[in-house]
Protein backbone atom coordinates (compact mmCIF):
# COMPACT_ATOMS: atom_id res chain seq x y z
CA MET A 1 0.25 30.39 -2.88
CA ARG A 2 2.16 27.37 -4.17
CA ASN A 3 0.03 24.74 -5.88
CA ILE A 4 0.72 21.04 -6.23
CA LEU A 5 -0.95 18.12 -7.98
CA ILE A 6 -0.84 14.68 -6.35
CA SER A 7 -1.75 11.68 -8.48
CA GLY A 8 -3.26 8.96 -6.29
CA ALA A 9 -5.62 9.16 -3.31
CA GLY A 10 -4.10 6.28 -1.37
CA VAL A 11 -2.04 6.37 1.82
CA ALA A 12 0.97 8.24 0.39
CA GLY A 13 -1.11 10.76 -1.55
CA GLY A 14 -3.56 11.36 1.27
CA THR A 15 -0.81 11.84 3.84
CA LEU A 16 1.14 14.27 1.67
CA ALA A 17 -2.05 16.22 0.91
CA TRP A 18 -2.85 16.45 4.61
CA PHE A 19 0.54 17.90 5.58
CA LEU A 20 0.91 20.28 2.62
CA ALA A 21 -2.61 21.69 2.93
CA ARG A 22 -1.93 22.38 6.59
CA GLU A 23 1.19 24.33 5.55
CA GLY A 24 -0.77 26.55 3.16
CA TRP A 25 -0.28 24.79 -0.17
CA ALA A 26 -3.12 24.65 -2.69
CA VAL A 27 -3.41 20.87 -3.04
CA THR A 28 -5.26 18.95 -5.76
CA VAL A 29 -5.46 15.15 -5.68
CA VAL A 30 -6.49 13.31 -8.86
CA GLU A 31 -7.58 9.68 -8.56
CA ARG A 32 -8.37 7.30 -11.42
CA ALA A 33 -11.03 5.43 -9.41
CA PRO A 34 -14.54 6.93 -9.35
CA GLY A 35 -14.35 7.40 -5.59
CA PRO A 36 -12.26 6.42 -2.55
CA ARG A 37 -11.11 2.84 -3.05
CA THR A 38 -12.65 0.18 -0.84
CA GLY A 39 -11.51 -3.32 -0.01
CA GLY A 40 -7.90 -4.34 0.30
CA GLN A 41 -6.11 -5.95 3.18
CA ALA A 42 -5.32 -4.99 6.73
CA ILE A 43 -2.20 -2.81 6.79
CA ASP A 44 0.32 -1.98 9.50
CA VAL A 45 1.48 1.27 11.08
CA ARG A 46 4.84 0.59 12.68
CA GLY A 47 7.81 2.28 14.24
CA VAL A 48 8.39 5.88 13.16
CA ALA A 49 5.14 5.78 11.15
CA LEU A 50 3.33 5.86 14.50
CA ASP A 51 4.82 9.31 15.07
CA VAL A 52 3.66 10.43 11.62
CA VAL A 53 -0.02 9.64 12.29
CA ASP A 54 0.26 11.24 15.72
CA ARG A 55 1.75 14.41 14.19
CA MET A 56 -1.24 14.53 11.86
CA GLY A 57 -3.47 14.34 14.91
CA LEU A 58 -5.00 11.12 13.56
CA GLY A 59 -3.34 8.51 15.73
CA GLU A 60 -6.22 8.21 18.18
CA ARG A 61 -8.79 7.83 15.39
CA MET A 62 -6.76 5.19 13.61
CA ARG A 63 -6.08 3.20 16.76
CA ALA A 64 -9.81 3.23 17.52
CA VAL A 65 -10.52 1.22 14.35
CA ARG A 66 -7.54 -1.13 14.60
CA THR A 67 -7.98 -4.86 14.18
CA ARG A 68 -7.97 -6.75 17.46
CA MET A 69 -6.73 -10.25 16.78
CA ARG A 70 -6.27 -12.75 19.60
CA GLY A 71 -3.88 -14.86 17.57
CA MET A 72 -3.57 -17.11 14.54
CA SER A 73 -3.41 -20.67 13.28
CA VAL A 74 -1.53 -22.16 10.34
CA VAL A 75 -3.07 -25.17 8.60
CA ASP A 76 -2.02 -27.36 5.70
CA GLY A 77 -3.96 -28.01 2.52
CA GLU A 78 -6.14 -30.56 4.32
CA GLY A 79 -6.94 -28.29 7.24
CA HIS A 80 -4.62 -29.94 9.75
CA GLU A 81 -3.24 -27.39 12.20
CA LEU A 82 0.53 -27.00 11.92
CA PHE A 83 1.06 -24.10 14.29
CA ARG A 84 -0.80 -21.60 16.44
CA SER A 85 0.16 -18.49 18.38
CA GLU A 86 -1.55 -16.14 20.79
CA GLU A 87 1.52 -13.89 20.88
CA HIS A 88 1.80 -12.73 17.27
CA THR A 89 0.25 -12.93 13.81
CA PHE A 90 1.99 -12.98 10.45
CA SER A 91 0.13 -9.87 9.33
CA SER A 92 0.69 -7.57 12.29
CA GLY A 93 3.59 -8.97 14.30
CA ARG A 94 3.60 -9.14 18.10
CA LEU A 95 0.18 -8.53 19.65
CA ASP A 96 1.70 -6.72 22.62
CA SER A 97 3.47 -4.17 20.39
CA ALA A 98 2.65 -0.46 20.16
CA ASP A 99 2.38 -1.00 16.40
CA PHE A 100 -1.15 -1.46 15.13
CA GLU A 101 -3.04 -2.88 12.17
CA LEU A 102 -6.16 -1.50 10.49
CA LEU A 103 -7.98 -1.79 7.19
CA ARG A 104 -6.63 0.11 4.23
CA ASP A 105 -10.05 1.52 3.38
CA ASP A 106 -10.35 2.97 6.90
CA VAL A 107 -6.99 4.73 6.52
CA VAL A 108 -7.94 6.16 3.12
CA ALA A 109 -11.32 7.36 4.40
CA ILE A 110 -9.73 9.17 7.36
CA LEU A 111 -7.01 10.79 5.22
CA GLY A 112 -9.62 11.87 2.68
CA GLU A 113 -11.14 14.22 5.25
CA ALA A 114 -8.15 16.58 5.07
CA PRO A 115 -9.51 20.15 5.06
CA GLY A 116 -8.71 22.36 2.11
CA VAL A 117 -7.79 19.58 -0.34
CA GLU A 118 -9.44 19.41 -3.77
CA TYR A 119 -10.16 15.79 -4.75
CA VAL A 120 -10.86 14.95 -8.41
CA PHE A 121 -12.10 11.37 -8.84
CA GLY A 122 -12.59 9.45 -12.06
CA ASP A 123 -9.73 11.09 -13.96
CA SER A 124 -6.02 10.58 -14.56
CA ILE A 125 -2.93 12.25 -15.98
CA THR A 126 -2.09 11.60 -19.62
CA ALA A 127 0.77 14.04 -20.30
CA LEU A 128 3.31 16.12 -18.39
CA THR A 129 5.20 19.04 -19.93
CA GLU A 130 7.65 20.98 -17.79
CA GLU A 131 7.65 24.70 -18.46
CA ALA A 132 9.69 27.57 -17.04
CA HIS A 133 7.75 27.95 -13.81
CA GLY A 134 5.60 24.85 -13.56
CA VAL A 135 4.28 21.63 -15.10
CA ARG A 136 1.50 21.61 -17.66
CA VAL A 137 -0.69 18.59 -16.92
CA GLU A 138 -3.15 17.10 -19.40
CA PHE A 139 -6.00 14.89 -18.17
CA GLU A 140 -7.76 11.86 -19.62
CA HIS A 141 -11.13 13.56 -19.67
CA GLY A 142 -9.89 16.68 -21.37
CA GLY A 143 -8.37 20.00 -20.46
CA PHE A 144 -5.11 20.92 -18.81
CA ARG A 145 -3.89 22.77 -15.74
CA THR A 146 -0.51 24.08 -14.67
CA PHE A 147 0.97 23.27 -11.26
CA ASP A 148 4.17 24.30 -9.51
CA LEU A 149 4.92 20.64 -8.72
CA VAL A 150 3.50 17.19 -9.55
CA VAL A 151 3.73 14.16 -7.27
CA GLY A 152 3.28 10.56 -8.35
CA ALA A 153 1.66 8.74 -5.44
CA ASP A 154 -0.19 6.40 -7.79
CA GLY A 155 1.19 3.05 -6.77
CA LEU A 156 3.03 0.14 -8.30
CA HIS A 157 1.69 0.89 -11.79
CA SER A 158 2.23 4.66 -11.57
CA ALA A 159 1.23 6.71 -14.60
CA VAL A 160 3.33 9.63 -13.38
CA ARG A 161 6.41 7.42 -13.18
CA ARG A 162 5.81 6.13 -16.68
CA LEU A 163 5.37 9.64 -18.11
CA ALA A 164 8.33 11.22 -16.29
CA PHE A 165 10.82 8.36 -15.94
CA GLY A 166 10.04 5.67 -18.51
CA PRO A 167 8.34 2.27 -18.87
CA GLU A 168 7.39 0.28 -15.78
CA LYS A 169 9.43 -2.76 -16.83
CA ASP A 170 12.65 -0.74 -16.41
CA PHE A 171 12.06 -0.36 -12.68
CA THR A 172 10.16 -3.48 -11.59
CA ARG A 173 11.64 -6.41 -9.68
CA HIS A 174 9.18 -9.31 -9.70
CA LEU A 175 9.14 -11.39 -6.50
CA GLY A 176 7.62 -14.54 -7.96
CA GLN A 177 4.16 -14.36 -6.37
CA TYR A 178 0.66 -13.07 -7.08
CA LEU A 179 -2.01 -12.20 -4.51
CA ALA A 180 -5.78 -11.86 -4.74
CA ILE A 181 -7.64 -10.01 -1.97
CA PHE A 182 -11.40 -9.66 -1.47
CA PRO A 183 -14.04 -9.30 1.26
CA THR A 184 -16.83 -11.76 1.99
CA ALA A 185 -19.24 -12.64 4.79
CA ASN A 186 -17.76 -14.36 7.85
CA PHE A 187 -19.15 -17.77 6.95
CA LEU A 188 -16.32 -19.41 8.93
CA GLY A 189 -17.48 -17.84 12.19
CA LEU A 190 -13.98 -16.62 13.07
CA GLU A 191 -13.77 -14.40 16.15
CA ASP A 192 -10.72 -12.13 16.18
CA TRP A 193 -8.61 -15.02 14.91
CA GLN A 194 -6.56 -15.40 11.72
CA VAL A 195 -6.12 -18.63 9.82
CA TRP A 196 -3.30 -19.07 7.31
CA PHE A 197 -3.01 -22.04 4.97
CA ARG A 198 -0.16 -23.43 2.92
CA HIS A 199 -0.18 -26.07 0.17
CA GLU A 200 2.78 -26.58 -2.15
CA HIS A 201 3.16 -23.33 -4.15
CA THR A 202 -0.12 -21.80 -2.99
CA GLY A 203 -1.38 -20.29 0.25
CA GLY A 204 -3.43 -17.57 1.81
CA ALA A 205 -5.08 -16.13 4.88
CA VAL A 206 -8.50 -15.28 6.23
CA TYR A 207 -9.27 -12.97 9.12
CA PRO A 208 -12.43 -11.32 10.44
CA VAL A 209 -13.01 -7.56 10.49
CA ARG A 210 -15.86 -5.12 11.17
CA GLY A 211 -16.76 -6.70 14.50
CA ASN A 212 -16.32 -10.23 13.09
CA THR A 213 -19.09 -9.67 10.53
CA GLU A 214 -16.81 -9.79 7.48
CA LEU A 215 -13.79 -11.72 6.28
CA ARG A 216 -10.87 -10.34 4.35
CA VAL A 217 -9.42 -13.12 2.24
CA THR A 218 -5.97 -13.34 0.66
CA LEU A 219 -5.18 -16.09 -1.84
CA GLY A 220 -1.78 -16.44 -3.45
CA PHE A 221 0.34 -18.56 -5.74
CA GLY A 222 3.85 -18.62 -7.14
CA SER A 223 4.30 -17.54 -10.74
CA GLU A 224 6.58 -15.87 -13.20
CA PRO A 225 5.32 -12.49 -14.51
CA LEU A 226 1.93 -12.75 -16.20
CA PRO A 227 0.42 -10.67 -19.00
CA ARG A 228 -2.27 -8.13 -18.13
CA LEU A 229 -5.55 -9.92 -17.39
CA THR A 230 -9.16 -8.82 -17.04
CA VAL A 231 -10.84 -9.34 -13.66
CA PRO A 232 -12.77 -12.44 -14.84
CA GLU A 233 -9.50 -13.86 -16.19
CA GLN A 234 -7.76 -13.11 -12.88
CA LYS A 235 -10.45 -14.92 -10.91
CA ARG A 236 -10.33 -17.93 -13.22
CA LEU A 237 -6.55 -18.12 -12.88
CA VAL A 238 -6.68 -17.99 -9.08
CA ALA A 239 -9.33 -20.72 -9.08
CA GLU A 240 -7.21 -22.88 -11.38
CA ARG A 241 -4.05 -22.47 -9.32
CA LEU A 242 -5.83 -23.33 -6.05
CA ALA A 243 -8.00 -26.13 -7.45
CA GLY A 244 -7.67 -29.29 -5.39
CA VAL A 245 -6.59 -27.52 -2.20
CA GLY A 246 -8.68 -28.71 0.74
CA TRP A 247 -9.71 -27.09 4.01
CA GLU A 248 -12.21 -24.25 3.29
CA VAL A 249 -10.52 -23.19 0.05
CA PRO A 250 -13.34 -24.38 -2.28
CA LYS A 251 -15.79 -22.15 -0.36
CA LEU A 252 -13.34 -19.27 -0.50
CA LEU A 253 -13.08 -19.65 -4.27
CA GLU A 254 -16.88 -19.57 -4.53
CA ALA A 255 -16.89 -16.36 -2.50
CA MET A 256 -14.19 -14.90 -4.75
CA ALA A 257 -16.26 -15.60 -7.85
CA ALA A 258 -19.13 -13.57 -6.37
CA ALA A 259 -17.01 -10.74 -4.97
CA ASP A 260 -17.72 -7.27 -6.37
CA VAL A 261 -14.61 -5.80 -4.74
CA PHE A 262 -11.50 -7.66 -5.90
CA TYR A 263 -7.78 -6.89 -6.02
CA PHE A 264 -5.18 -8.94 -7.89
CA ASP A 265 -1.56 -8.09 -8.59
CA ALA A 266 2.01 -9.26 -8.62
CA MET A 267 4.22 -9.02 -5.60
CA ALA A 268 6.93 -6.75 -6.95
CA GLN A 269 9.30 -3.99 -5.92
CA ILE A 270 10.13 -0.70 -7.63
CA ARG A 271 13.78 0.34 -7.84
CA LEU A 272 14.84 3.70 -9.34
CA ASP A 273 18.16 5.54 -9.29
CA ARG A 274 16.30 8.79 -8.60
CA TRP A 275 12.82 9.70 -7.45
CA SER A 276 12.56 13.14 -9.03
CA ALA A 277 12.80 14.63 -12.50
CA GLY A 278 12.59 18.40 -12.66
CA ARG A 279 9.37 19.42 -10.92
CA VAL A 280 8.01 15.85 -10.70
CA VAL A 281 8.65 13.57 -7.72
CA LEU A 282 7.53 10.11 -6.61
CA VAL A 283 6.39 8.98 -3.16
CA GLY A 284 5.28 5.65 -1.71
CA ASP A 285 4.82 2.61 -3.94
CA ALA A 286 5.26 4.69 -7.10
CA GLY A 287 8.88 5.34 -6.16
CA TYR A 288 9.89 2.49 -3.87
CA CYS A 289 7.23 -0.19 -3.57
CA ALA A 290 8.42 -2.82 -1.10
CA SER A 291 5.42 -5.13 -1.76
CA ALA A 292 2.92 -6.55 0.70
CA LEU A 293 5.50 -9.23 1.52
CA SER A 294 7.53 -6.63 3.43
CA GLY A 295 4.67 -5.64 5.74
CA GLN A 296 6.03 -2.10 5.54
CA GLY A 297 4.38 -0.55 2.48
CA THR A 298 2.03 1.60 4.54
CA SER A 299 4.75 2.80 6.88
CA LEU A 300 6.98 3.67 3.90
CA ALA A 301 4.11 5.66 2.39
CA LEU A 302 3.37 7.53 5.62
CA VAL A 303 7.00 8.32 6.39
CA GLY A 304 7.91 9.17 2.79
CA ALA A 305 5.02 11.61 2.50
CA TYR A 306 5.91 13.23 5.82
CA VAL A 307 9.59 13.65 4.94
CA LEU A 308 8.77 15.08 1.50
CA ALA A 309 6.31 17.58 2.98
CA GLN A 310 8.82 18.52 5.66
CA GLU A 311 11.61 19.16 3.14
CA LEU A 312 9.30 21.18 0.86
CA GLY A 313 8.64 23.39 3.86
CA ARG A 314 12.36 24.00 4.31
CA ALA A 315 13.61 24.73 0.79
CA GLY A 316 12.79 25.08 -2.90
CA HIS A 317 11.85 21.95 -4.77
CA GLU A 318 15.31 21.06 -6.07
CA ALA A 319 16.94 21.10 -2.64
CA ALA A 320 13.84 19.57 -1.04
CA PHE A 321 13.76 16.63 -3.45
CA ALA A 322 17.47 15.98 -2.91
CA ALA A 323 17.12 16.05 0.88
CA TYR A 324 14.07 13.79 0.71
CA GLU A 325 16.05 11.17 -1.21
CA THR A 326 19.09 11.43 1.05
CA ARG A 327 16.98 10.83 4.15
CA MET A 328 14.67 8.16 2.74
CA ARG A 329 16.95 5.88 0.73
CA PRO A 330 18.57 4.00 3.67
CA PHE A 331 15.13 3.56 5.24
CA VAL A 332 13.67 2.25 1.99
CA ALA A 333 16.55 -0.19 1.45
CA LEU A 334 16.13 -1.81 4.86
CA ASN A 335 12.37 -2.10 4.47
CA GLN A 336 12.49 -3.51 0.95
CA ALA A 337 14.93 -6.16 2.22
CA LEU A 338 12.23 -7.48 4.58
CA ALA A 339 10.28 -8.88 1.60
CA THR A 340 13.08 -11.20 0.53
CA GLU A 341 14.67 -12.15 3.86
CA ASN A 342 12.49 -15.23 4.40
CA PRO A 343 10.76 -16.67 1.29
CA GLU A 344 8.67 -19.02 3.48
CA GLY A 345 7.22 -16.38 5.77
CA PRO A 346 7.68 -13.00 7.42
CA ALA A 347 11.07 -11.47 8.19
CA SER A 348 12.55 -11.89 11.65
CA GLU A 349 11.38 -9.67 14.50
CA GLU A 350 14.90 -8.28 14.78
CA SER A 351 14.98 -7.21 11.13
CA VAL A 352 11.52 -5.62 11.34
CA GLU A 353 12.44 -3.77 14.52
CA ARG A 354 15.59 -2.38 12.93
CA ALA A 355 13.92 -1.41 9.65
CA LYS A 356 10.78 0.23 11.02
CA ASN A 357 12.81 2.70 13.14
CA ALA A 358 15.67 3.39 10.74
CA ILE A 359 15.00 7.09 10.14
CA SER A 360 14.68 10.29 12.12
CA LEU A 361 11.65 12.49 11.52
CA ASP A 362 13.44 15.66 12.66
């Protein structure tokens, strides 16, 4: 039986684990977090990615927990409404589309139920050594194991990419923005309705989830690359950058200060000339992060994991990795371009439609 180690229990890692385990691989997933990650934003499943979740047999379950927005408003820094729509939202696109939006933590929880997958939480990879018939992997908490293949599905700041390909700075394209995301109680009383705000070089969004009992909040600001910050430092910086903005922003900043679950990172893309090195390969954000600004990160992760699993079922790893890159690179290029098409908002519907369907799954 072939064995494989996947670093990262997110969408890409969970999807790849699901397909490979079903095909008889011995699959181990190692995740740095102490358990499945919670929080995060609502994410989209679009175009060919819809077929991926249906081929897993999970489409019905995921659609059952989709967000159900009626529309959105855009307000300025004083709370004056600039625009509203009951036809689309910035986060999920047209409301009459077959595409759907759901919370990242719901996707991860569903994927984590894959039968036959060994999950190891609270650990990470510290060294990779390729040997004649496998990769010797050393772990942060001691010990080593040997695997036929190793997959980096560990996101924008991938440890596998750093160990196998080089420093992160060599592959990162900063997009000039930072986002903070956190949950809080629905103190605004929103009912299936998003509100987006804009003020000079800052902005954000709030939308209700979990039957309108909870808000997911996104706050953002423009910035050049920042040094690594602790969570308290991140929260202070967000509060400083959004100080003086009106509407409900002061209350949102208070909620952020109290939030136990908090995400903060740069909007950036990953660009590499190759996604594999020997028996190590990258998938999802680790190899080709498009950023949240593209709206296609989840679909890239789902499709990339499916194509990689499919090619590994057809050939040995060298040919499989080559075929995976050949098929995925045009799809990745179109979807990464969505993040930079319109600096003031989402890409056009025409561009999204073209990009989300720009690959065949067969």
